[in-house]
Protein backbone atom coordinates (compact mmCIF):
# COMPACT_ATOMS: atom_id res chain seq x y z
CA MET A 1 0.00 0.00 0.00
CA LYS A 2 3.01 2.28 0.06
CA ARG A 3 2.57 2.93 -3.67
CA GLY A 4 -1.12 3.69 -3.09
CA GLU A 5 -0.32 6.34 -0.49
CA GLN A 6 2.27 7.90 -2.80
CA ILE A 7 -0.28 8.10 -5.60
CA LEU A 8 -3.00 9.44 -3.27
CA GLY A 9 -0.63 12.08 -1.87
CA ALA A 10 0.36 13.22 -5.35
CA VAL A 11 -3.26 13.38 -6.57
CA LEU A 12 -4.37 15.32 -3.49
CA LEU A 13 -1.45 17.73 -3.87
CA LEU A 14 -2.37 18.39 -7.50
CA PHE A 15 -6.00 18.89 -6.46
CA ALA A 16 -4.93 21.34 -3.74
CA ILE A 17 -2.85 23.30 -6.26
CA TYR A 18 -5.78 23.40 -8.67
CA ILE A 19 -8.25 24.55 -6.00
CA GLY A 20 -5.75 27.13 -4.73
CA TYR A 21 -5.22 28.51 -8.22
CA GLU A 22 -8.94 28.64 -9.00
CA SER A 23 -9.73 30.30 -5.68
CA THR A 24 -7.31 33.12 -6.50
CA MET A 25 -9.63 34.00 -9.38
CA ILE A 26 -12.39 34.74 -6.85
CA GLU A 27 -12.38 37.82 -4.63
CA THR A 28 -10.96 36.88 -1.23
CA GLY A 29 -11.62 40.14 0.54
CA ALA A 30 -8.04 40.25 1.81
CA SER A 31 -7.23 43.62 0.23
CA SER A 32 -7.20 46.80 2.29
CA SER A 33 -9.95 48.33 0.14
CA ASN A 34 -12.40 45.53 0.91
CA SER A 35 -13.97 45.45 4.36
CA GLY A 36 -15.25 41.86 4.42
CA ILE A 37 -14.23 38.32 3.61
CA GLY A 38 -14.89 37.32 0.01
CA ALA A 39 -16.05 34.05 -1.52
CA GLY A 40 -12.51 32.94 -2.40
CA PHE A 41 -11.19 33.16 1.16
CA MET A 42 -12.40 29.77 2.39
CA PRO A 43 -11.49 27.70 -0.70
CA PHE A 44 -8.00 29.20 -0.74
CA TRP A 45 -7.24 28.33 2.87
CA LEU A 46 -8.83 24.91 2.51
CA SER A 47 -6.51 24.28 -0.43
CA VAL A 48 -3.54 25.34 1.70
CA GLY A 49 -4.59 22.88 4.41
CA LEU A 50 -5.13 20.12 1.85
CA GLY A 51 -1.74 20.87 0.31
CA ILE A 52 0.03 20.63 3.66
CA SER A 53 -1.80 17.39 4.51
CA SER A 54 -0.98 15.85 1.15
CA MET A 55 2.70 16.80 1.50
CA VAL A 56 2.77 15.13 4.92
CA LEU A 57 1.15 12.03 3.38
CA LEU A 58 3.68 12.06 0.55
CA GLY A 59 6.60 12.53 2.93
CA ARG A 60 5.39 9.67 5.11
CA ALA A 61 4.94 7.42 2.08
CA PHE A 62 8.46 8.09 0.83
CA VAL A 63 10.31 8.08 4.16
CA LEU A 64 8.79 5.14 6.02
CA PRO A 65 9.90 1.62 5.10
CA THR A 66 7.53 -0.61 3.18
CA ASP A 67 6.94 -2.97 6.12
CA ARG A 68 5.17 -0.14 8.02
CA PHE A 69 2.32 -0.22 5.49
CA SER A 70 -0.39 -2.84 5.21
CA PRO A 71 0.28 -5.28 2.37
CA GLY A 72 -2.89 -4.53 0.45
CA PHE A 73 -6.35 -3.13 0.61
CA PHE A 74 -9.08 -5.72 0.32
CA ILE A 75 -12.32 -4.60 1.85
CA ASP A 76 -14.37 -7.25 3.65
CA ARG A 77 -18.15 -7.57 3.76
CA THR A 78 -18.44 -5.36 6.85
CA GLY A 79 -16.37 -2.63 5.21
CA ARG A 80 -18.45 -2.78 2.03
CA MET A 81 -21.65 -2.46 4.05
CA ARG A 82 -20.24 0.59 5.88
CA VAL A 83 -19.29 2.24 2.61
CA LEU A 84 -22.76 1.55 1.18
CA TRP A 85 -24.43 2.81 4.37
CA VAL A 86 -22.45 6.09 4.28
CA PHE A 87 -23.14 6.48 0.55
CA ALA A 88 -26.86 5.89 1.13
CA GLY A 89 -26.87 8.44 3.98
CA TYR A 90 -25.21 11.10 1.85
CA LEU A 91 -27.50 10.34 -1.09
CA LEU A 92 -30.58 10.57 1.11
CA ALA A 93 -29.35 13.84 2.64
CA VAL A 94 -28.83 15.37 -0.80
CA VAL A 95 -32.22 14.17 -2.09
CA VAL A 96 -34.18 15.55 0.87
CA MET A 97 -32.24 18.82 1.22
CA LYS A 98 -34.51 20.90 -1.00
CA PRO A 99 -37.91 19.74 0.26
CA LEU A 100 -36.99 19.23 3.93
CA GLY A 101 -34.19 21.77 4.28
CA MET A 102 -30.57 21.82 5.35
CA MET A 103 -31.25 21.23 9.05
CA ILE A 104 -33.26 18.03 8.61
CA SER A 105 -30.90 16.84 5.88
CA LEU A 106 -27.90 17.36 8.16
CA ALA A 107 -29.65 15.52 10.99
CA ILE A 108 -30.30 12.56 8.67
CA LEU A 109 -26.67 12.61 7.61
CA MET A 110 -25.44 12.55 11.21
CA ALA A 111 -27.87 9.79 12.18
CA THR A 112 -26.82 7.56 9.28
CA THR A 113 -23.07 8.10 9.19
CA MET A 114 -22.22 7.94 12.89
CA PRO A 115 -23.19 4.26 13.23
CA ALA A 116 -21.35 3.49 10.01
CA PHE A 117 -18.16 4.99 11.46
CA GLY A 118 -18.45 2.86 14.57
CA SER A 119 -20.44 4.90 17.08
CA ARG A 120 -22.72 2.54 18.99
CA ASN A 121 -23.79 4.86 21.78
CA TRP A 122 -27.29 5.95 20.82
CA LYS A 123 -27.25 8.85 23.28
CA SER A 124 -24.22 10.38 21.57
CA ILE A 125 -25.74 9.73 18.13
CA LEU A 126 -28.99 11.45 19.17
CA LEU A 127 -27.13 14.35 20.79
CA THR A 128 -24.94 14.85 17.69
CA THR A 129 -27.96 14.54 15.41
CA ILE A 130 -29.65 17.40 17.29
CA LEU A 131 -26.64 19.62 18.10
CA THR A 132 -24.91 19.60 14.69
CA PRO A 133 -27.82 21.13 12.72
CA LEU A 134 -28.51 23.51 15.61
CA CYS A 135 -24.91 24.75 15.63
CA VAL A 136 -24.86 25.06 11.83
CA TYR A 137 -28.08 27.08 11.98
CA LEU A 138 -26.81 29.33 14.77
CA VAL A 139 -23.43 30.01 13.16
CA PHE A 140 -24.36 30.25 9.49
CA GLY A 141 -28.06 31.11 9.50
CA TYR A 142 -28.41 33.33 12.54
CA TRP A 143 -24.97 34.83 13.13
CA LEU A 144 -23.51 35.05 9.59
CA LYS A 145 -26.90 35.49 7.86
CA VAL A 146 -26.10 32.92 5.14
CA ASP A 147 -29.09 31.84 3.06
CA LEU A 148 -29.53 28.19 3.95
CA PRO A 149 -32.10 25.98 2.25
CA MET A 150 -34.69 25.71 5.03
CA GLY A 151 -37.35 23.62 3.26
CA ILE A 152 -40.34 22.93 5.49
CA LEU A 153 -38.71 24.79 8.38
CA GLU A 154 -38.67 28.12 6.53
CA ASN A 155 -41.66 29.55 8.40
CA ILE A 156 -40.43 28.25 11.75
CA LEU A 157 -36.73 29.20 11.56
CA SER A 158 -36.79 32.46 9.69
CA ILE A 159 -33.27 33.80 9.09
CA TYR A 160 -34.12 36.46 6.56
């Protein structure tokens, strides 16, 4: 799997460079004449973070000896079911986002992916399913006044 990590690191580094370049074409708001943060600010800094992470992955893949890596990647039945469960959760969240809204869609996503990633404590799953959309709403909808797709909650959680 050493070769796989080298390839993944190189692909992610190229992707980070591409995203960084494209985000420079968007106004970042970093100039002294602009008073706010622009749309290119977040993608640029995300690309910087992805670039650093991919360079660390590449460095690890080239420096560590081959015996430190697993011999191969063959997913078992349990792993395939987890991948399918996460895919189904994301697909369902995307499908219901417009009619039900971002908050309900995000709650569905949390409720479906947490068990797939190994969380078996239903109290923590329920708490995360409630708190994540609430925090997203408070930060982006209420505080930053970002237009979120609210769906059926539009009359209840008015952010406009």
